[in-house]
Every structure is written in C-alpha cells, then in structure tokens.
Amino acid sequence: LTIWLDRTSGSGFKSVKPFRSGYFGASIKLQPG
C-alpha cells in the first residue's frame, strides 16, 4: 500500500476488527529528502 499527503489531503486506514490484545505490525518504507 502506498499512501500520500499533498496540499489537498493525507490518507489513513483502519483494521476491520477491534482487538483487546495482540501483535500489530507492518513493514514500512519512508520518503527521503
């Protein structure tokens, strides 16, 4: 998934399920500059 921010908007996502405990992770690559 690629999400981006520009002058008009950013972006966000949400898990379908709520949790009361667990392991939550993702591999992420950030923008340079």
All heavy atoms as atom14 arrays in JSON, in Angstrom:
{
  "sequence": "LTIWLDRTSGSGFKSVKPFRSGYFGASIKLQPG",
  "atom14_mask": [
    [1, 1, 1, 1, 1, 1, 1, 1, 0, 0, 0, 0, 0, 0],
    [1, 1, 1, 1, 1, 1, 1, 0, 0, 0, 0, 0, 0, 0],
    [1, 1, 1, 1, 1, 1, 1, 1, 0, 0, 0, 0, 0, 0],
    [1, 1, 1, 1, 1, 1, 1, 1, 1, 1, 1, 1, 1, 1],
    [1, 1, 1, 1, 1, 1, 1, 1, 0, 0, 0, 0, 0, 0],
    [1, 1, 1, 1, 1, 1, 1, 1, 0, 0, 0, 0, 0, 0],
    [1, 1, 1, 1, 1, 1, 1, 1, 1, 1, 1, 0, 0, 0],
    [1, 1, 1, 1, 1, 1, 1, 0, 0, 0, 0, 0, 0, 0],
    [1, 1, 1, 1, 1, 1, 0, 0, 0, 0, 0, 0, 0, 0],
    [1, 1, 1, 1, 0, 0, 0, 0, 0, 0, 0, 0, 0, 0],
    [1, 1, 1, 1, 1, 1, 0, 0, 0, 0, 0, 0, 0, 0],
    [1, 1, 1, 1, 0, 0, 0, 0, 0, 0, 0, 0, 0, 0],
    [1, 1, 1, 1, 1, 1, 1, 1, 1, 1, 1, 0, 0, 0],
    [1, 1, 1, 1, 1, 1, 1, 1, 1, 0, 0, 0, 0, 0],
    [1, 1, 1, 1, 1, 1, 0, 0, 0, 0, 0, 0, 0, 0],
    [1, 1, 1, 1, 1, 1, 1, 0, 0, 0, 0, 0, 0, 0],
    [1, 1, 1, 1, 1, 1, 1, 1, 1, 0, 0, 0, 0, 0],
    [1, 1, 1, 1, 1, 1, 1, 0, 0, 0, 0, 0, 0, 0],
    [1, 1, 1, 1, 1, 1, 1, 1, 1, 1, 1, 0, 0, 0],
    [1, 1, 1, 1, 1, 1, 1, 1, 1, 1, 1, 0, 0, 0],
    [1, 1, 1, 1, 1, 1, 0, 0, 0, 0, 0, 0, 0, 0],
    [1, 1, 1, 1, 0, 0, 0, 0, 0, 0, 0, 0, 0, 0],
    [1, 1, 1, 1, 1, 1, 1, 1, 1, 1, 1, 1, 0, 0],
    [1, 1, 1, 1, 1, 1, 1, 1, 1, 1, 1, 0, 0, 0],
    [1, 1, 1, 1, 0, 0, 0, 0, 0, 0, 0, 0, 0, 0],
    [1, 1, 1, 1, 1, 0, 0, 0, 0, 0, 0, 0, 0, 0],
    [1, 1, 1, 1, 1, 1, 0, 0, 0, 0, 0, 0, 0, 0],
    [1, 1, 1, 1, 1, 1, 1, 1, 0, 0, 0, 0, 0, 0],
    [1, 1, 1, 1, 1, 1, 1, 1, 1, 0, 0, 0, 0, 0],
    [1, 1, 1, 1, 1, 1, 1, 1, 0, 0, 0, 0, 0, 0],
    [1, 1, 1, 1, 1, 1, 1, 1, 1, 0, 0, 0, 0, 0],
    [1, 1, 1, 1, 1, 1, 1, 0, 0, 0, 0, 0, 0, 0],
    [1, 1, 1, 1, 0, 0, 0, 0, 0, 0, 0, 0, 0, 0]
  ],
  "atom14_positions": [
    [[0.84, -1.19, 0.0], [0.0, 0.0, 0.0], [0.88, 1.24, 0.0], [1.81, 1.35, 0.8], [-0.89, 0.01, 1.25], [-1.72, 1.27, 1.49], [-2.88, 1.32, 0.5], [-2.23, 1.32, 2.93], [0.0, 0.0, 0.0], [0.0, 0.0, 0.0], [0.0, 0.0, 0.0], [0.0, 0.0, 0.0], [0.0, 0.0, 0.0], [0.0, 0.0, 0.0]],
    [[0.59, 2.18, -0.89], [1.22, 3.5, -0.87], [0.15, 4.51, -0.48], [-0.95, 4.53, -1.05], [1.8, 3.86, -2.25], [2.79, 2.9, -2.61], [2.43, 5.25, -2.21], [0.0, 0.0, 0.0], [0.0, 0.0, 0.0], [0.0, 0.0, 0.0], [0.0, 0.0, 0.0], [0.0, 0.0, 0.0], [0.0, 0.0, 0.0], [0.0, 0.0, 0.0]],
    [[0.46, 5.33, 0.51], [-0.42, 6.45, 0.87], [0.39, 7.73, 0.75], [1.62, 7.71, 0.88], [-1.02, 6.29, 2.28], [0.07, 6.2, 3.36], [-1.91, 5.06, 2.35], [-0.47, 6.14, 4.79], [0.0, 0.0, 0.0], [0.0, 0.0, 0.0], [0.0, 0.0, 0.0], [0.0, 0.0, 0.0], [0.0, 0.0, 0.0], [0.0, 0.0, 0.0]],
    [[-0.29, 8.84, 0.49], [0.46, 10.08, 0.31], [-0.32, 11.29, 0.78], [-1.55, 11.28, 0.91], [0.92, 10.24, -1.13], [-0.15, 10.38, -2.17], [-0.71, 11.52, -2.65], [-0.76, 9.3, -2.9], [-1.63, 11.23, -3.63], [-1.67, 9.89, -3.81], [-0.61, 7.9, -2.87], [-2.45, 9.11, -4.67], [-1.39, 7.14, -3.73], [-2.29, 7.74, -4.62]],
    [[0.46, 12.33, 1.06], [-0.05, 13.63, 1.5], [0.33, 14.66, 0.47], [1.49, 14.73, 0.03], [0.57, 13.99, 2.86], [0.44, 15.44, 3.34], [-1.0, 15.73, 3.77], [1.4, 15.7, 4.5], [0.0, 0.0, 0.0], [0.0, 0.0, 0.0], [0.0, 0.0, 0.0], [0.0, 0.0, 0.0], [0.0, 0.0, 0.0], [0.0, 0.0, 0.0]],
    [[-0.64, 15.47, 0.07], [-0.34, 16.65, -0.73], [-1.15, 17.81, -0.17], [-1.74, 17.71, 0.91], [-0.59, 16.42, -2.23], [-2.04, 16.07, -2.56], [-2.95, 16.43, -1.77], [-2.28, 15.45, -3.62], [0.0, 0.0, 0.0], [0.0, 0.0, 0.0], [0.0, 0.0, 0.0], [0.0, 0.0, 0.0], [0.0, 0.0, 0.0], [0.0, 0.0, 0.0]],
    [[-1.19, 18.89, -0.9], [-1.85, 20.09, -0.38], [-3.34, 19.88, -0.13], [-3.96, 20.57, 0.67], [-1.63, 21.24, -1.36], [-1.83, 22.62, -0.78], [-1.6, 23.68, -1.83], [-0.24, 23.66, -2.34], [0.78, 24.31, -1.77], [0.58, 25.0, -0.67], [1.99, 24.26, -2.32], [0.0, 0.0, 0.0], [0.0, 0.0, 0.0], [0.0, 0.0, 0.0]],
    [[-3.93, 18.88, -0.81], [-5.38, 18.69, -0.7], [-5.78, 17.74, 0.43], [-6.84, 17.89, 1.02], [-5.96, 18.15, -2.01], [-5.42, 16.84, -2.29], [-5.6, 19.08, -3.18], [0.0, 0.0, 0.0], [0.0, 0.0, 0.0], [0.0, 0.0, 0.0], [0.0, 0.0, 0.0], [0.0, 0.0, 0.0], [0.0, 0.0, 0.0], [0.0, 0.0, 0.0]],
    [[-4.93, 16.73, 0.72], [-5.34, 15.73, 1.71], [-4.19, 14.8, 2.05], [-3.23, 14.66, 1.27], [-6.51, 14.89, 1.17], [-6.91, 13.88, 2.08], [0.0, 0.0, 0.0], [0.0, 0.0, 0.0], [0.0, 0.0, 0.0], [0.0, 0.0, 0.0], [0.0, 0.0, 0.0], [0.0, 0.0, 0.0], [0.0, 0.0, 0.0], [0.0, 0.0, 0.0]],
    [[-4.32, 14.14, 3.2], [-3.49, 12.99, 3.52], [-4.33, 11.75, 3.35], [-5.3, 11.73, 2.59], [0.0, 0.0, 0.0], [0.0, 0.0, 0.0], [0.0, 0.0, 0.0], [0.0, 0.0, 0.0], [0.0, 0.0, 0.0], [0.0, 0.0, 0.0], [0.0, 0.0, 0.0], [0.0, 0.0, 0.0], [0.0, 0.0, 0.0], [0.0, 0.0, 0.0]],
    [[-3.99, 10.68, 4.11], [-4.75, 9.44, 3.98], [-4.54, 8.57, 5.21], [-3.51, 8.67, 5.89], [-4.3, 8.68, 2.72], [-5.17, 7.6, 2.45], [0.0, 0.0, 0.0], [0.0, 0.0, 0.0], [0.0, 0.0, 0.0], [0.0, 0.0, 0.0], [0.0, 0.0, 0.0], [0.0, 0.0, 0.0], [0.0, 0.0, 0.0], [0.0, 0.0, 0.0]],
    [[-5.51, 7.71, 5.47], [-5.42, 6.8, 6.6], [-6.22, 5.54, 6.38], [-7.14, 5.5, 5.56], [0.0, 0.0, 0.0], [0.0, 0.0, 0.0], [0.0, 0.0, 0.0], [0.0, 0.0, 0.0], [0.0, 0.0, 0.0], [0.0, 0.0, 0.0], [0.0, 0.0, 0.0], [0.0, 0.0, 0.0], [0.0, 0.0, 0.0], [0.0, 0.0, 0.0]],
    [[-5.86, 4.49, 7.11], [-6.59, 3.22, 7.03], [-6.77, 2.67, 8.44], [-6.13, 3.11, 9.4], [-5.86, 2.22, 6.13], [-4.44, 1.91, 6.55], [-4.16, 0.89, 7.45], [-3.38, 2.63, 6.02], [-2.86, 0.59, 7.81], [-2.06, 2.34, 6.38], [-1.8, 1.32, 7.28], [0.0, 0.0, 0.0], [0.0, 0.0, 0.0], [0.0, 0.0, 0.0]],
    [[-7.66, 1.67, 8.55], [-8.07, 1.15, 9.86], [-8.37, -0.33, 9.73], [-8.93, -0.78, 8.73], [-9.31, 1.91, 10.32], [-9.96, 1.41, 11.58], [-11.27, 2.17, 11.84], [-11.98, 1.67, 13.09], [-13.27, 2.37, 13.3], [0.0, 0.0, 0.0], [0.0, 0.0, 0.0], [0.0, 0.0, 0.0], [0.0, 0.0, 0.0], [0.0, 0.0, 0.0]],
    [[-8.01, -1.11, 10.77], [-8.35, -2.53, 10.76], [-9.86, -2.72, 10.85], [-10.58, -1.91, 11.44], [-7.66, -3.26, 11.92], [-8.13, -2.81, 13.17], [0.0, 0.0, 0.0], [0.0, 0.0, 0.0], [0.0, 0.0, 0.0], [0.0, 0.0, 0.0], [0.0, 0.0, 0.0], [0.0, 0.0, 0.0], [0.0, 0.0, 0.0], [0.0, 0.0, 0.0]],
    [[-10.33, -3.79, 10.26], [-11.75, -4.1, 10.3], [-12.17, -4.49, 11.72], [-13.24, -4.11, 12.2], [-12.07, -5.23, 9.3], [-13.52, -5.68, 9.45], [-11.78, -4.78, 7.87], [0.0, 0.0, 0.0], [0.0, 0.0, 0.0], [0.0, 0.0, 0.0], [0.0, 0.0, 0.0], [0.0, 0.0, 0.0], [0.0, 0.0, 0.0], [0.0, 0.0, 0.0]],
    [[-11.3, -5.23, 12.42], [-11.64, -5.75, 13.75], [-10.99, -4.91, 14.85], [-9.86, -4.46, 14.72], [-11.16, -7.19, 13.89], [-11.8, -8.18, 12.94], [-11.2, -9.57, 13.13], [-11.79, -10.58, 12.17], [-11.16, -11.92, 12.34], [0.0, 0.0, 0.0], [0.0, 0.0, 0.0], [0.0, 0.0, 0.0], [0.0, 0.0, 0.0], [0.0, 0.0, 0.0]],
    [[-11.68, -4.76, 15.98], [-11.03, -4.23, 17.18], [-10.4, -5.38, 17.97], [-10.89, -6.51, 17.93], [-12.2, -3.61, 17.96], [-13.38, -4.45, 17.58], [-13.15, -4.93, 16.17], [0.0, 0.0, 0.0], [0.0, 0.0, 0.0], [0.0, 0.0, 0.0], [0.0, 0.0, 0.0], [0.0, 0.0, 0.0], [0.0, 0.0, 0.0], [0.0, 0.0, 0.0]],
    [[-9.33, -5.07, 18.67], [-8.61, -6.08, 19.45], [-8.48, -5.63, 20.9], [-8.44, -4.44, 21.2], [-7.2, -6.27, 18.88], [-7.17, -6.85, 17.48], [-7.31, -6.02, 16.37], [-6.98, -8.2, 17.28], [-7.27, -6.54, 15.09], [-6.94, -8.74, 16.0], [-7.09, -7.9, 14.9], [0.0, 0.0, 0.0], [0.0, 0.0, 0.0], [0.0, 0.0, 0.0]],
    [[-8.36, -6.6, 21.79], [-8.07, -6.28, 23.19], [-6.64, -6.69, 23.58], [-6.17, -6.4, 24.67], [-9.09, -6.9, 24.14], [-9.14, -8.4, 24.19], [-10.09, -8.86, 25.32], [-9.99, -10.29, 25.56], [-10.82, -11.19, 25.05], [-11.83, -10.81, 24.28], [-10.65, -12.48, 25.32], [0.0, 0.0, 0.0], [0.0, 0.0, 0.0], [0.0, 0.0, 0.0]],
    [[-5.94, -7.35, 22.65], [-4.51, -7.63, 22.79], [-4.05, -8.19, 21.47], [-4.86, -8.61, 20.63], [-4.22, -8.63, 23.93], [-4.74, -9.91, 23.62], [0.0, 0.0, 0.0], [0.0, 0.0, 0.0], [0.0, 0.0, 0.0], [0.0, 0.0, 0.0], [0.0, 0.0, 0.0], [0.0, 0.0, 0.0], [0.0, 0.0, 0.0], [0.0, 0.0, 0.0]],
    [[-2.71, -8.23, 21.26], [-2.22, -8.84, 20.03], [-0.89, -8.29, 19.57], [-0.25, -7.47, 20.22], [0.0, 0.0, 0.0], [0.0, 0.0, 0.0], [0.0, 0.0, 0.0], [0.0, 0.0, 0.0], [0.0, 0.0, 0.0], [0.0, 0.0, 0.0], [0.0, 0.0, 0.0], [0.0, 0.0, 0.0], [0.0, 0.0, 0.0], [0.0, 0.0, 0.0]],
    [[-0.49, -8.8, 18.4], [0.73, -8.35, 17.72], [0.29, -7.58, 16.48], [-0.48, -8.08, 15.66], [1.58, -9.55, 17.31], [2.84, -9.18, 16.56], [4.06, -9.06, 17.21], [2.81, -8.95, 15.18], [5.22, -8.72, 16.53], [3.96, -8.61, 14.49], [5.16, -8.49, 15.18], [6.3, -8.13, 14.49], [0.0, 0.0, 0.0], [0.0, 0.0, 0.0]],
    [[0.81, -6.36, 16.32], [0.38, -5.46, 15.26], [1.62, -4.86, 14.59], [2.4, -4.18, 15.26], [-0.51, -4.36, 15.82], [-1.62, -4.88, 16.7], [-1.46, -4.92, 18.08], [-2.78, -5.39, 16.14], [-2.46, -5.42, 18.89], [-3.78, -5.91, 16.95], [-3.63, -5.93, 18.33], [0.0, 0.0, 0.0], [0.0, 0.0, 0.0], [0.0, 0.0, 0.0]],
    [[1.79, -5.12, 13.31], [3.0, -4.64, 12.66], [2.81, -4.43, 11.18], [1.83, -4.84, 10.56], [0.0, 0.0, 0.0], [0.0, 0.0, 0.0], [0.0, 0.0, 0.0], [0.0, 0.0, 0.0], [0.0, 0.0, 0.0], [0.0, 0.0, 0.0], [0.0, 0.0, 0.0], [0.0, 0.0, 0.0], [0.0, 0.0, 0.0], [0.0, 0.0, 0.0]],
    [[3.81, -3.79, 10.59], [3.87, -3.6, 9.14], [5.3, -3.25, 8.77], [6.04, -2.66, 9.57], [2.92, -2.5, 8.67], [0.0, 0.0, 0.0], [0.0, 0.0, 0.0], [0.0, 0.0, 0.0], [0.0, 0.0, 0.0], [0.0, 0.0, 0.0], [0.0, 0.0, 0.0], [0.0, 0.0, 0.0], [0.0, 0.0, 0.0], [0.0, 0.0, 0.0]],
    [[5.69, -3.62, 7.56], [6.96, -3.18, 7.01], [6.71, -1.87, 6.27], [5.79, -1.78, 5.45], [7.54, -4.24, 6.07], [7.83, -5.42, 6.79], [0.0, 0.0, 0.0], [0.0, 0.0, 0.0], [0.0, 0.0, 0.0], [0.0, 0.0, 0.0], [0.0, 0.0, 0.0], [0.0, 0.0, 0.0], [0.0, 0.0, 0.0], [0.0, 0.0, 0.0]],
    [[7.53, -0.87, 6.6], [7.28, 0.49, 6.12], [8.56, 1.04, 5.49], [9.66, 0.82, 6.0], [6.83, 1.4, 7.28], [5.56, 0.85, 7.94], [6.58, 2.83, 6.79], [5.15, 1.59, 9.21], [0.0, 0.0, 0.0], [0.0, 0.0, 0.0], [0.0, 0.0, 0.0], [0.0, 0.0, 0.0], [0.0, 0.0, 0.0], [0.0, 0.0, 0.0]],
    [[8.38, 1.77, 4.4], [9.49, 2.49, 3.76], [9.1, 3.96, 3.67], [8.02, 4.31, 3.16], [9.76, 1.93, 2.37], [10.96, 2.56, 1.68], [11.2, 1.93, 0.31], [12.38, 2.55, -0.4], [12.6, 1.96, -1.75], [0.0, 0.0, 0.0], [0.0, 0.0, 0.0], [0.0, 0.0, 0.0], [0.0, 0.0, 0.0], [0.0, 0.0, 0.0]],
    [[9.96, 4.83, 4.18], [9.68, 6.26, 4.26], [10.28, 7.02, 3.08], [11.16, 6.53, 2.39], [10.23, 6.82, 5.57], [9.71, 6.17, 6.85], [10.43, 6.75, 8.06], [8.2, 6.35, 6.98], [0.0, 0.0, 0.0], [0.0, 0.0, 0.0], [0.0, 0.0, 0.0], [0.0, 0.0, 0.0], [0.0, 0.0, 0.0], [0.0, 0.0, 0.0]],
    [[9.8, 8.23, 2.89], [10.28, 9.08, 1.79], [11.55, 9.83, 2.2], [11.61, 10.4, 3.29], [9.19, 10.09, 1.4], [9.64, 11.08, 0.33], [8.48, 11.86, -0.25], [7.48, 11.27, -0.65], [8.61, 13.18, -0.33], [0.0, 0.0, 0.0], [0.0, 0.0, 0.0], [0.0, 0.0, 0.0], [0.0, 0.0, 0.0], [0.0, 0.0, 0.0]],
    [[12.56, 9.85, 1.34], [13.77, 10.63, 1.64], [13.56, 12.11, 1.35], [12.52, 12.53, 0.81], [14.8, 10.03, 0.69], [14.0, 9.55, -0.48], [12.67, 9.09, 0.09], [0.0, 0.0, 0.0], [0.0, 0.0, 0.0], [0.0, 0.0, 0.0], [0.0, 0.0, 0.0], [0.0, 0.0, 0.0], [0.0, 0.0, 0.0], [0.0, 0.0, 0.0]],
    [[14.56, 12.91, 1.71], [14.53, 14.33, 1.4], [13.79, 15.14, 2.44], [13.72, 14.77, 3.62], [0.0, 0.0, 0.0], [0.0, 0.0, 0.0], [0.0, 0.0, 0.0], [0.0, 0.0, 0.0], [0.0, 0.0, 0.0], [0.0, 0.0, 0.0], [0.0, 0.0, 0.0], [0.0, 0.0, 0.0], [0.0, 0.0, 0.0], [0.0, 0.0, 0.0]]
  ]
}
